[in-house]
PDB file of N, CA and C in Angstrom:
ATOM      1  N   MET A   1     -18.173  10.640 -31.434  1.00  0.00           N
ATOM      2  CA  MET A   1     -17.433  10.963 -30.367  1.00  0.00           C
ATOM      3  C   MET A   1     -18.599   9.661 -29.712  1.00  0.00           C
ATOM      4  N   ALA A   2     -19.437   8.282 -30.211  1.00  0.00           N
ATOM      5  CA  ALA A   2     -19.645   7.141 -30.929  1.00  0.00           C
ATOM      6  C   ALA A   2     -18.487   6.787 -29.474  1.00  0.00           C
ATOM      7  N   GLN A   3     -16.942   6.401 -29.754  1.00  0.00           N
ATOM      8  CA  GLN A   3     -16.496   5.659 -29.433  1.00  0.00           C
ATOM      9  C   GLN A   3     -16.083   6.414 -27.580  1.00  0.00           C
ATOM     10  N   ALA A   4     -16.046   7.654 -27.152  1.00  0.00           N
ATOM     11  CA  ALA A   4     -16.124   8.644 -26.447  1.00  0.00           C
ATOM     12  C   ALA A   4     -16.712   7.664 -25.045  1.00  0.00           C
ATOM     13  N   PHE A   5     -17.764   7.106 -25.350  1.00  0.00           N
ATOM     14  CA  PHE A   5     -18.593   6.582 -24.339  1.00  0.00           C
ATOM     15  C   PHE A   5     -18.788   4.489 -25.243  1.00  0.00           C
ATOM     16  N   HIS A   6     -17.409   4.240 -25.736  1.00  0.00           N
ATOM     17  CA  HIS A   6     -17.546   2.618 -25.157  1.00  0.00           C
ATOM     18  C   HIS A   6     -16.300   2.870 -23.855  1.00  0.00           C
ATOM     19  N   ARG A   7     -17.209   2.045 -24.243  1.00  0.00           N
ATOM     20  CA  ARG A   7     -16.691   0.246 -22.330  1.00  0.00           C
ATOM     21  C   ARG A   7     -16.252  -0.371 -22.917  1.00  0.00           C
ATOM     22  N   HIS A   8     -15.509  -0.673 -21.937  1.00  0.00           N
ATOM     23  CA  HIS A   8     -14.271  -2.302 -23.069  1.00  0.00           C
ATOM     24  C   HIS A   8     -15.310  -3.361 -21.123  1.00  0.00           C
ATOM     25  N   PRO A   9     -15.495  -4.064 -22.285  1.00  0.00           N
ATOM     26  CA  PRO A   9     -16.590  -5.593 -21.621  1.00  0.00           C
ATOM     27  C   PRO A   9     -15.499  -6.698 -20.921  1.00  0.00           C
ATOM     28  N   THR A  10     -14.409  -6.013 -20.068  1.00  0.00           N
ATOM     29  CA  THR A  10     -13.910  -6.883 -19.438  1.00  0.00           C
ATOM     30  C   THR A  10     -13.535  -5.794 -18.245  1.00  0.00           C
ATOM     31  N   SER A  11     -14.158  -4.292 -18.346  1.00  0.00           N
ATOM     32  CA  SER A  11     -13.700  -4.335 -16.939  1.00  0.00           C
ATOM     33  C   SER A  11     -12.761  -3.795 -16.054  1.00  0.00           C
ATOM     34  N   SER A  12     -13.136  -4.268 -15.520  1.00  0.00           N
ATOM     35  CA  SER A  12     -12.484  -5.077 -13.978  1.00  0.00           C
ATOM     36  C   SER A  12     -12.418  -3.318 -12.869  1.00  0.00           C
ATOM     37  N   LEU A  13     -12.881  -4.153 -11.023  1.00  0.00           N
ATOM     38  CA  LEU A  13     -12.317  -3.193 -10.306  1.00  0.00           C
ATOM     39  C   LEU A  13     -10.919  -2.824 -10.505  1.00  0.00           C
ATOM     40  N   LEU A  14      -9.964  -3.811 -11.263  1.00  0.00           N
ATOM     41  CA  LEU A  14      -8.467  -3.939 -10.713  1.00  0.00           C
ATOM     42  C   LEU A  14      -7.943  -3.093 -11.684  1.00  0.00           C
ATOM     43  N   ALA A  15      -8.343  -3.891 -13.474  1.00  0.00           N
ATOM     44  CA  ALA A  15      -7.236  -3.009 -14.438  1.00  0.00           C
ATOM     45  C   ALA A  15      -8.921  -1.838 -15.258  1.00  0.00           C
ATOM     46  N   THR A  16      -8.654  -1.225 -15.415  1.00  0.00           N
ATOM     47  CA  THR A  16     -10.147  -0.032 -16.369  1.00  0.00           C
ATOM     48  C   THR A  16      -9.210  -0.271 -17.617  1.00  0.00           C
ATOM     49  N   ASP A  17      -7.582  -0.693 -18.812  1.00  0.00           N
ATOM     50  CA  ASP A  17      -7.749  -0.280 -19.949  1.00  0.00           C
ATOM     51  C   ASP A  17      -7.826  -1.994 -20.177  1.00  0.00           C
ATOM     52  N   GLY A  18      -8.507  -2.888 -19.292  1.00  0.00           N
ATOM     53  CA  GLY A  18      -9.483  -4.405 -20.047  1.00  0.00           C
ATOM     54  C   GLY A  18      -8.305  -5.106 -19.999  1.00  0.00           C
ATOM     55  N   LYS A  19      -6.980  -5.295 -20.035  1.00  0.00           N
ATOM     56  CA  LYS A  19      -5.965  -6.162 -19.107  1.00  0.00           C
ATOM     57  C   LYS A  19      -5.294  -6.246 -17.802  1.00  0.00           C
ATOM     58  N   PRO A  20      -4.679  -7.537 -18.606  1.00  0.00           N
ATOM     59  CA  PRO A  20      -4.512  -8.085 -16.509  1.00  0.00           C
ATOM     60  C   PRO A  20      -3.223  -7.990 -16.075  1.00  0.00           C
ATOM     61  N   HIS A  21      -2.949  -7.036 -14.887  1.00  0.00           N
ATOM     62  CA  HIS A  21      -1.987  -6.496 -14.654  1.00  0.00           C
ATOM     63  C   HIS A  21      -2.035  -7.292 -13.369  1.00  0.00           C
ATOM     64  N   PRO A  22      -0.816  -8.189 -13.439  1.00  0.00           N
ATOM     65  CA  PRO A  22      -1.013  -9.267 -12.199  1.00  0.00           C
ATOM     66  C   PRO A  22      -0.318  -8.426 -11.421  1.00  0.00           C
ATOM     67  N   LEU A  23       1.104  -8.221 -11.614  1.00  0.00           N
ATOM     68  CA  LEU A  23       1.962  -7.588 -10.699  1.00  0.00           C
ATOM     69  C   LEU A  23       2.163  -6.344  -9.924  1.00  0.00           C
ATOM     70  N   GLN A  24       1.905  -5.927 -10.077  1.00  0.00           N
ATOM     71  CA  GLN A  24       0.725  -4.321 -10.620  1.00  0.00           C
ATOM     72  C   GLN A  24      -0.315  -4.316  -9.967  1.00  0.00           C
ATOM     73  N   ASP A  25      -1.408  -5.773  -9.369  1.00  0.00           N
ATOM     74  CA  ASP A  25      -2.823  -6.886  -8.317  1.00  0.00           C
ATOM     75  C   ASP A  25      -1.754  -6.948  -7.401  1.00  0.00           C
ATOM     76  N   THR A  26      -0.625  -7.975  -7.415  1.00  0.00           N
ATOM     77  CA  THR A  26      -0.409  -7.723  -6.402  1.00  0.00           C
ATOM     78  C   THR A  26       0.700  -6.665  -5.738  1.00  0.00           C
ATOM     79  N   LEU A  27       0.752  -6.164  -6.116  1.00  0.00           N
ATOM     80  CA  LEU A  27       1.525  -5.536  -5.364  1.00  0.00           C
ATOM     81  C   LEU A  27       0.653  -4.498  -4.676  1.00  0.00           C
ATOM     82  N   MET A  28      -0.483  -4.089  -5.885  1.00  0.00           N
ATOM     83  CA  MET A  28      -1.551  -3.315  -4.625  1.00  0.00           C
ATOM     84  C   MET A  28      -2.062  -3.889  -3.295  1.00  0.00           C
ATOM     85  N   ALA A  29      -1.857  -4.908  -3.519  1.00  0.00           N
ATOM     86  CA  ALA A  29      -3.018  -6.106  -2.548  1.00  0.00           C
ATOM     87  C   ALA A  29      -2.045  -5.494  -1.027  1.00  0.00           C
ATOM     88  N   VAL A  30      -0.874  -5.786  -1.720  1.00  0.00           N
ATOM     89  CA  VAL A  30      -0.201  -5.851  -0.634  1.00  0.00           C
ATOM     90  C   VAL A  30       0.323  -5.053   0.159  1.00  0.00           C
ATOM     91  N   THR A  31       0.069  -4.088  -0.392  1.00  0.00           N
ATOM     92  CA  THR A  31       0.399  -2.718   0.216  1.00  0.00           C
ATOM     93  C   THR A  31      -0.790  -2.528   1.276  1.00  0.00           C
ATOM     94  N   LEU A  32      -2.106  -2.582   0.066  1.00  0.00           N
ATOM     95  CA  LEU A  32      -3.045  -2.122   1.216  1.00  0.00           C
ATOM     96  C   LEU A  32      -2.898  -3.506   2.072  1.00  0.00           C
ATOM     97  N   VAL A  33      -2.280  -4.551   2.639  1.00  0.00           N
ATOM     98  CA  VAL A  33      -2.375  -5.466   3.751  1.00  0.00           C
ATOM     99  C   VAL A  33      -1.539  -4.830   4.559  1.00  0.00           C
ATOM    100  N   LEU A  34      -0.493  -4.243   4.483  1.00  0.00           N
ATOM    101  CA  LEU A  34       1.208  -3.900   4.926  1.00  0.00           C
ATOM    102  C   LEU A  34       0.214  -3.087   5.458  1.00  0.00           C
ATOM    103  N   GLY A  35      -0.189  -1.595   4.515  1.00  0.00           N
ATOM    104  CA  GLY A  35      -0.841  -0.290   5.595  1.00  0.00           C
ATOM    105  C   GLY A  35      -1.910  -0.751   6.396  1.00  0.00           C
ATOM    106  N   ALA A  36      -2.221  -2.437   6.363  1.00  0.00           N
ATOM    107  CA  ALA A  36      -3.623  -1.898   7.576  1.00  0.00           C
ATOM    108  C   ALA A  36      -2.929  -2.018   8.075  1.00  0.00           C
ATOM    109  N   VAL A  37      -2.155  -3.451   8.528  1.00  0.00           N
ATOM    110  CA  VAL A  37      -1.233  -4.231   9.405  1.00  0.00           C
ATOM    111  C   VAL A  37      -0.147  -3.205  10.381  1.00  0.00           C
ATOM    112  N   ALA A  38       0.664  -2.168   9.149  1.00  0.00           N
ATOM    113  CA  ALA A  38       0.774  -0.549  10.136  1.00  0.00           C
ATOM    114  C   ALA A  38       0.175   0.384  10.624  1.00  0.00           C
ATOM    115  N   PHE A  39      -1.092   0.598  10.065  1.00  0.00           N
ATOM    116  CA  PHE A  39      -2.187   1.427  10.879  1.00  0.00           C
ATOM    117  C   PHE A  39      -2.467   0.605  11.664  1.00  0.00           C
ATOM    118  N   VAL A  40      -3.033  -0.200  12.548  1.00  0.00           N
ATOM    119  CA  VAL A  40      -3.518  -0.821  13.878  1.00  0.00           C
ATOM    120  C   VAL A  40      -2.780  -1.191  14.399  1.00  0.00           C
ATOM    121  N   THR A  41      -1.595  -1.548  14.229  1.00  0.00           N
ATOM    122  CA  THR A  41      -0.696  -1.863  15.455  1.00  0.00           C
ATOM    123  C   THR A  41      -0.144  -1.510  15.932  1.00  0.00           C
ATOM    124  N   ALA A  42       0.009   0.270  14.832  1.00  0.00           N
ATOM    125  CA  ALA A  42       0.371   1.234  15.558  1.00  0.00           C
ATOM    126  C   ALA A  42      -0.667   2.471  16.509  1.00  0.00           C
ATOM    127  N   GLN A  43      -1.271   2.093  16.408  1.00  0.00           N
ATOM    128  CA  GLN A  43      -2.567   1.506  17.761  1.00  0.00           C
ATOM    129  C   GLN A  43      -2.651   1.558  19.245  1.00  0.00           C
ATOM    130  N   PHE A  44      -0.730   0.420  19.453  1.00  0.00           N
ATOM    131  CA  PHE A  44      -0.044  -0.533  20.777  1.00  0.00           C
ATOM    132  C   PHE A  44       1.364   0.087  20.592  1.00  0.00           C
ATOM    133  N   HIS A  45       0.650   0.853  21.806  1.00  0.00           N
ATOM    134  CA  HIS A  45       2.633   0.867  22.426  1.00  0.00           C
ATOM    135  C   HIS A  45       4.177  -0.309  22.001  1.00  0.00           C
ATOM    136  N   SER A  46       3.050  -1.640  22.735  1.00  0.00           N
ATOM    137  CA  SER A  46       4.203  -2.431  22.661  1.00  0.00           C
ATOM    138  C   SER A  46       3.821  -3.056  21.096  1.00  0.00           C
ATOM    139  N   LEU A  47       3.461  -2.801  19.726  1.00  0.00           N
ATOM    140  CA  LEU A  47       3.816  -2.594  18.928  1.00  0.00           C
ATOM    141  C   LEU A  47       4.632  -2.925  18.295  1.00  0.00           C
ATOM    142  N   HIS A  48       5.361  -1.535  18.105  1.00  0.00           N
ATOM    143  CA  HIS A  48       5.019  -1.098  17.655  1.00  0.00           C
ATOM    144  C   HIS A  48       6.987  -1.199  16.699  1.00  0.00           C
ATOM    145  N   LEU A  49       7.670  -2.717  17.403  1.00  0.00           N
ATOM    146  CA  LEU A  49       8.190  -3.006  16.222  1.00  0.00           C
ATOM    147  C   LEU A  49       7.572  -3.117  14.609  1.00  0.00           C
ATOM    148  N   ILE A  50       6.217  -3.675  14.619  1.00  0.00           N
ATOM    149  CA  ILE A  50       5.062  -4.562  13.904  1.00  0.00           C
ATOM    150  C   ILE A  50       4.915  -3.756  12.807  1.00  0.00           C
ATOM    151  N   SER A  51       4.953  -2.452  13.560  1.00  0.00           N
ATOM    152  CA  SER A  51       3.899  -1.716  12.557  1.00  0.00           C
ATOM    153  C   SER A  51       4.669  -0.318  12.631  1.00  0.00           C
ATOM    154  N   SER A  52       6.634  -0.342  12.184  1.00  0.00           N
ATOM    155  CA  SER A  52       7.120   0.045  12.018  1.00  0.00           C
ATOM    156  C   SER A  52       8.040  -0.809  10.773  1.00  0.00           C
ATOM    157  N   TRP A  53       8.002  -1.591  11.064  1.00  0.00           N
ATOM    158  CA  TRP A  53       8.209  -2.289   9.718  1.00  0.00           C
ATOM    159  C   TRP A  53       7.935  -3.091   8.664  1.00  0.00           C
ATOM    160  N   ALA A  54       6.400  -2.499   9.485  1.00  0.00           N
ATOM    161  CA  ALA A  54       5.561  -3.256   7.794  1.00  0.00           C
ATOM    162  C   ALA A  54       4.942  -2.389   7.194  1.00  0.00           C
ATOM    163  N   GLY A  55       5.548  -0.499   8.381  1.00  0.00           N
ATOM    164  CA  GLY A  55       5.290   1.045   7.081  1.00  0.00           C
ATOM    165  C   GLY A  55       6.318   1.339   6.229  1.00  0.00           C
ATOM    166  N   LEU A  56       7.611   0.678   6.632  1.00  0.00           N
ATOM    167  CA  LEU A  56       8.321   0.454   5.773  1.00  0.00           C
ATOM    168  C   LEU A  56       8.483   0.063   4.594  1.00  0.00           C
ATOM    169  N   ILE A  57       8.285  -1.574   4.887  1.00  0.00           N
ATOM    170  CA  ILE A  57       7.575  -2.151   3.688  1.00  0.00           C
ATOM    171  C   ILE A  57       6.761  -1.538   2.738  1.00  0.00           C
ATOM    172  N   GLY A  58       5.873  -1.242   3.911  1.00  0.00           N
ATOM    173  CA  GLY A  58       4.176  -0.873   2.808  1.00  0.00           C
ATOM    174  C   GLY A  58       4.545   0.302   1.581  1.00  0.00           C
ATOM    175  N   ILE A  59       5.574   1.121   2.416  1.00  0.00           N
ATOM    176  CA  ILE A  59       5.985   2.409   1.286  1.00  0.00           C
ATOM    177  C   ILE A  59       7.309   2.093   0.235  1.00  0.00           C
ATOM    178  N   VAL A  60       7.379   1.824   0.885  1.00  0.00           N
ATOM    179  CA  VAL A  60       8.360   0.668  -0.298  1.00  0.00           C
ATOM    180  C   VAL A  60       7.735  -0.289  -1.498  1.00  0.00           C
ATOM    181  N   THR A  61       7.730  -0.834  -0.925  1.00  0.00           N
ATOM    182  CA  THR A  61       6.468  -1.570  -1.771  1.00  0.00           C
ATOM    183  C   THR A  61       5.149  -0.542  -2.231  1.00  0.00           C
ATOM    184  N   GLY A  62       5.279   0.120  -1.441  1.00  0.00           N
ATOM    185  CA  GLY A  62       3.902   0.395  -2.565  1.00  0.00           C
ATOM    186  C   GLY A  62       4.639   1.951  -3.232  1.00  0.00           C
ATOM    187  N   ALA A  63       5.982   2.066  -3.262  1.00  0.00           N
ATOM    188  CA  ALA A  63       6.510   3.725  -4.680  1.00  0.00           C
ATOM    189  C   ALA A  63       7.369   2.197  -5.892  1.00  0.00           C
ATOM    190  N   TYR A  64       7.401   1.737  -5.279  1.00  0.00           N
ATOM    191  CA  TYR A  64       7.550   0.357  -7.022  1.00  0.00           C
ATOM    192  C   TYR A  64       6.621  -0.185  -7.476  1.00  0.00           C
ATOM    193  N   GLY A  65       5.427  -0.683  -6.679  1.00  0.00           N
ATOM    194  CA  GLY A  65       4.184  -0.133  -7.175  1.00  0.00           C
ATOM    195  C   GLY A  65       3.658   1.151  -8.320  1.00  0.00           C
ATOM    196  N   GLN A  66       4.224   2.326  -7.929  1.00  0.00           N
ATOM    197  CA  GLN A  66       3.048   3.034  -8.397  1.00  0.00           C
ATOM    198  C   GLN A  66       4.711   4.075  -9.279  1.00  0.00           C
ATOM    199  N   TYR A  67       6.161   3.385  -9.326  1.00  0.00           N
ATOM    200  CA  TYR A  67       6.274   3.609 -10.284  1.00  0.00           C
ATOM    201  C   TYR A  67       6.792   2.529 -12.088  1.00  0.00           C
ATOM    202  N   ILE A  68       5.481   0.960 -11.294  1.00  0.00           N
ATOM    203  CA  ILE A  68       5.339   0.044 -12.188  1.00  0.00           C
ATOM    204  C   ILE A  68       3.943   0.198 -13.279  1.00  0.00           C
ATOM    205  N   SER A  69       2.570   0.896 -11.935  1.00  0.00           N
ATOM    206  CA  SER A  69       1.496   1.094 -12.133  1.00  0.00           C
ATOM    207  C   SER A  69       1.435   1.264 -13.195  1.00  0.00           C
ATOM    208  N   GLU A  70      -0.605   1.329 -13.789  1.00  0.00           N
ATOM    209  CA  GLU A  70      -0.603   1.405 -15.161  1.00  0.00           C
ATOM    210  C   GLU A  70      -2.063   1.847 -15.555  1.00  0.00           C
ATOM    211  N   THR A  71      -2.532   1.406 -14.467  1.00  0.00           N
ATOM    212  CA  THR A  71      -4.070   2.353 -14.278  1.00  0.00           C
ATOM    213  C   THR A  71      -4.401   2.878 -13.615  1.00  0.00           C
ATOM    214  N   THR A  72      -5.564   4.157 -13.161  1.00  0.00           N
ATOM    215  CA  THR A  72      -5.963   5.651 -12.194  1.00  0.00           C
ATOM    216  C   THR A  72      -6.296   4.297 -11.566  1.00  0.00           C
ATOM    217  N   ARG A  73      -7.210   2.933 -11.343  1.00  0.00           N
ATOM    218  CA  ARG A  73      -7.439   2.368  -9.515  1.00  0.00           C
ATOM    219  C   ARG A  73      -6.288   1.955  -8.801  1.00  0.00           C
ATOM    220  N   GLU A  74      -5.123   1.506  -9.947  1.00  0.00           N
ATOM    221  CA  GLU A  74      -3.569   0.399  -8.929  1.00  0.00           C
ATOM    222  C   GLU A  74      -2.965   2.065  -8.452  1.00  0.00           C
ATOM    223  N   ARG A  75      -3.598   3.356  -8.619  1.00  0.00           N
ATOM    224  CA  ARG A  75      -2.423   4.251  -7.685  1.00  0.00           C
ATOM    225  C   ARG A  75      -2.737   4.406  -7.812  1.00  0.00           C
ATOM    226  N   THR A  76      -4.266   4.740  -7.233  1.00  0.00           N
ATOM    227  CA  THR A  76      -5.552   5.063  -5.726  1.00  0.00           C
ATOM    228  C   THR A  76      -5.199   4.193  -4.888  1.00  0.00           C
ATOM    229  N   LEU A  77      -5.793   2.972  -4.674  1.00  0.00           N
ATOM    230  CA  LEU A  77      -5.146   1.786  -4.146  1.00  0.00           C
ATOM    231  C   LEU A  77      -3.913   2.431  -3.473  1.00  0.00           C
ATOM    232  N   LEU A  78      -2.971   1.899  -4.102  1.00  0.00           N
ATOM    233  CA  LEU A  78      -1.711   2.150  -3.449  1.00  0.00           C
ATOM    234  C   LEU A  78      -0.792   3.773  -2.807  1.00  0.00           C
ATOM    235  N   ILE A  79      -1.328   4.870  -3.206  1.00  0.00           N
ATOM    236  CA  ILE A  79      -1.449   5.543  -1.948  1.00  0.00           C
ATOM    237  C   ILE A  79      -2.574   5.773  -1.076  1.00  0.00           C
ATOM    238  N   ILE A  80      -3.842   4.930  -0.782  1.00  0.00           N
ATOM    239  CA  ILE A  80      -3.732   4.678   0.488  1.00  0.00           C
ATOM    240  C   ILE A  80      -3.152   3.957   1.419  1.00  0.00           C
ATOM    241  N   GLY A  81      -2.549   3.167   0.514  1.00  0.00           N
ATOM    242  CA  GLY A  81      -2.229   2.135   1.508  1.00  0.00           C
ATOM    243  C   GLY A  81      -0.613   2.694   1.609  1.00  0.00           C
ATOM    244  N   MET A  82       0.101   2.979   1.021  1.00  0.00           N
ATOM    245  CA  MET A  82       1.767   4.012   1.382  1.00  0.00           C
ATOM    246  C   MET A  82       1.486   5.306   2.294  1.00  0.00           C
ATOM    247  N   GLY A  83      -0.701   5.785   1.921  1.00  0.00           N
ATOM    248  CA  GLY A  83      -0.044   6.781   2.881  1.00  0.00           C
ATOM    249  C   GLY A  83      -1.037   5.603   4.506  1.00  0.00           C
ATOM    250  N   ALA A  84      -2.134   4.917   4.164  1.00  0.00           N
ATOM    251  CA  ALA A  84      -1.123   3.716   6.096  1.00  0.00           C
ATOM    252  C   ALA A  84      -0.215   4.015   6.509  1.00  0.00           C
ATOM    253  N   SER A  85       0.809   2.593   5.796  1.00  0.00           N
ATOM    254  CA  SER A  85       1.865   3.086   5.693  1.00  0.00           C
ATOM    255  C   SER A  85       2.463   3.608   6.923  1.00  0.00           C
ATOM    256  N   ALA A  86       2.798   5.030   6.400  1.00  0.00           N
ATOM    257  CA  ALA A  86       3.475   6.099   6.395  1.00  0.00           C
ATOM    258  C   ALA A  86       3.331   6.297   8.328  1.00  0.00           C
ATOM    259  N   ILE A  87       1.635   6.474   8.000  1.00  0.00           N
ATOM    260  CA  ILE A  87       1.333   6.683   9.267  1.00  0.00           C
ATOM    261  C   ILE A  87       1.871   5.454  10.413  1.00  0.00           C
ATOM    262  N   GLY A  88       1.566   4.594  10.430  1.00  0.00           N
ATOM    263  CA  GLY A  88       1.895   3.352  11.198  1.00  0.00           C
ATOM    264  C   GLY A  88       3.708   3.520  11.034  1.00  0.00           C
ATOM    265  N   LEU A  89       4.531   3.773   9.824  1.00  0.00           N
ATOM    266  CA  LEU A  89       5.375   4.108  10.159  1.00  0.00           C
ATOM    267  C   LEU A  89       5.953   5.311  10.735  1.00  0.00           C
ATOM    268  N   GLY A  90       4.935   6.080  10.897  1.00  0.00           N
ATOM    269  CA  GLY A  90       5.577   7.533  12.463  1.00  0.00           C
ATOM    270  C   GLY A  90       5.615   7.059  13.530  1.00  0.00           C
ATOM    271  N   LEU A  91       4.064   6.466  13.297  1.00  0.00           N
ATOM    272  CA  LEU A  91       4.012   6.195  15.261  1.00  0.00           C
ATOM    273  C   LEU A  91       4.708   5.131  15.773  1.00  0.00           C
ATOM    274  N   GLY A  92       4.768   4.302  14.315  1.00  0.00           N
ATOM    275  CA  GLY A  92       5.760   3.415  15.733  1.00  0.00           C
ATOM    276  C   GLY A  92       7.368   3.455  15.846  1.00  0.00           C
ATOM    277  N   MET A  93       6.855   4.251  15.273  1.00  0.00           N
ATOM    278  CA  MET A  93       9.061   5.185  15.002  1.00  0.00           C
ATOM    279  C   MET A  93       8.839   6.627  16.183  1.00  0.00           C
ATOM    280  N   ALA A  94       7.661   6.812  16.835  1.00  0.00           N
ATOM    281  CA  ALA A  94       7.480   7.722  17.583  1.00  0.00           C
ATOM    282  C   ALA A  94       7.523   6.388  18.296  1.00  0.00           C
ATOM    283  N   HIS A  95       6.312   5.113  18.951  1.00  0.00           N
ATOM    284  CA  HIS A  95       6.773   4.724  20.011  1.00  0.00           C
ATOM    285  C   HIS A  95       7.944   3.580  20.257  1.00  0.00           C
ATOM    286  N   GLY A  96       8.919   3.676  19.698  1.00  0.00           N
ATOM    287  CA  GLY A  96      10.351   3.018  19.989  1.00  0.00           C
ATOM    288  C   GLY A  96      11.746   2.632  18.643  1.00  0.00           C
ATOM    289  N   GLY A  97      10.876   3.212  17.382  1.00  0.00           N
ATOM    290  CA  GLY A  97      11.560   3.255  16.734  1.00  0.00           C
ATOM    291  C   GLY A  97      11.695   1.539  15.552  1.00  0.00           C
ATOM    292  N   LEU A  98      12.123   1.184  14.924  1.00  0.00           N
ATOM    293  CA  LEU A  98      12.429  -0.151  13.933  1.00  0.00           C
ATOM    294  C   LEU A  98      13.986  -1.336  15.046  1.00  0.00           C
ATOM    295  N   PHE A  99      14.096  -0.935  16.063  1.00  0.00           N
ATOM    296  CA  PHE A  99      15.388  -1.458  16.459  1.00  0.00           C
ATOM    297  C   PHE A  99      14.915  -1.208  18.034  1.00  0.00           C
ATOM    298  N   GLY A 100      13.626  -0.489  18.713  1.00  0.00           N
ATOM    299  CA  GLY A 100      14.196  -0.082  19.996  1.00  0.00           C
ATOM    300  C   GLY A 100      13.569  -0.933  20.406  1.00  0.00           C
ATOM    301  N   GLY A 101      14.673  -1.114  21.545  1.00  0.00           N
ATOM    302  CA  GLY A 101      15.100  -1.978  23.211  1.00  0.00           C
ATOM    303  C   GLY A 101      15.443  -3.850  22.319  1.00  0.00           C
ATOM    304  N   VAL A 102      15.359  -3.609  20.745  1.00  0.00           N
ATOM    305  CA  VAL A 102      16.433  -5.519  20.845  1.00  0.00           C
ATOM    306  C   VAL A 102      17.551  -5.140  20.540  1.00  0.00           C
ATOM    307  N   LEU A 103      17.934  -3.591  19.607  1.00  0.00           N
ATOM    308  CA  LEU A 103      19.779  -3.141  20.213  1.00  0.00           C
ATOM    309  C   LEU A 103      19.694  -2.269  20.489  1.00  0.00           C
ATOM    310  N   GLY A 104      20.739  -2.443  21.853  1.00  0.00           N
ATOM    311  CA  GLY A 104      20.780  -1.654  22.940  1.00  0.00           C
ATOM    312  C   GLY A 104      20.231  -1.578  23.794  1.00  0.00           C
TER     313      GLY A 104
END
């Protein structure tokens, strides 16, 4: 039962299994940044192109990150980034969409 309480000495904020995950951590960071950009720019009607595209790319990046993620922390932060991206995409689409005013 002692092994149940053993902690990895190299556990960090991003890799709870003690191994480095550079691709997963990069996808997680990109998803969080795109989610934040999409969410913040969605609050402004005139920035719908940025919020729509950042939200769409954030959702795609987060979905691939979920597919290859290995730790719970990666999955948790990916879901937070994808949620913010989805809100930004939804509001951006409501304000004018991906091509609103540019094509047609």
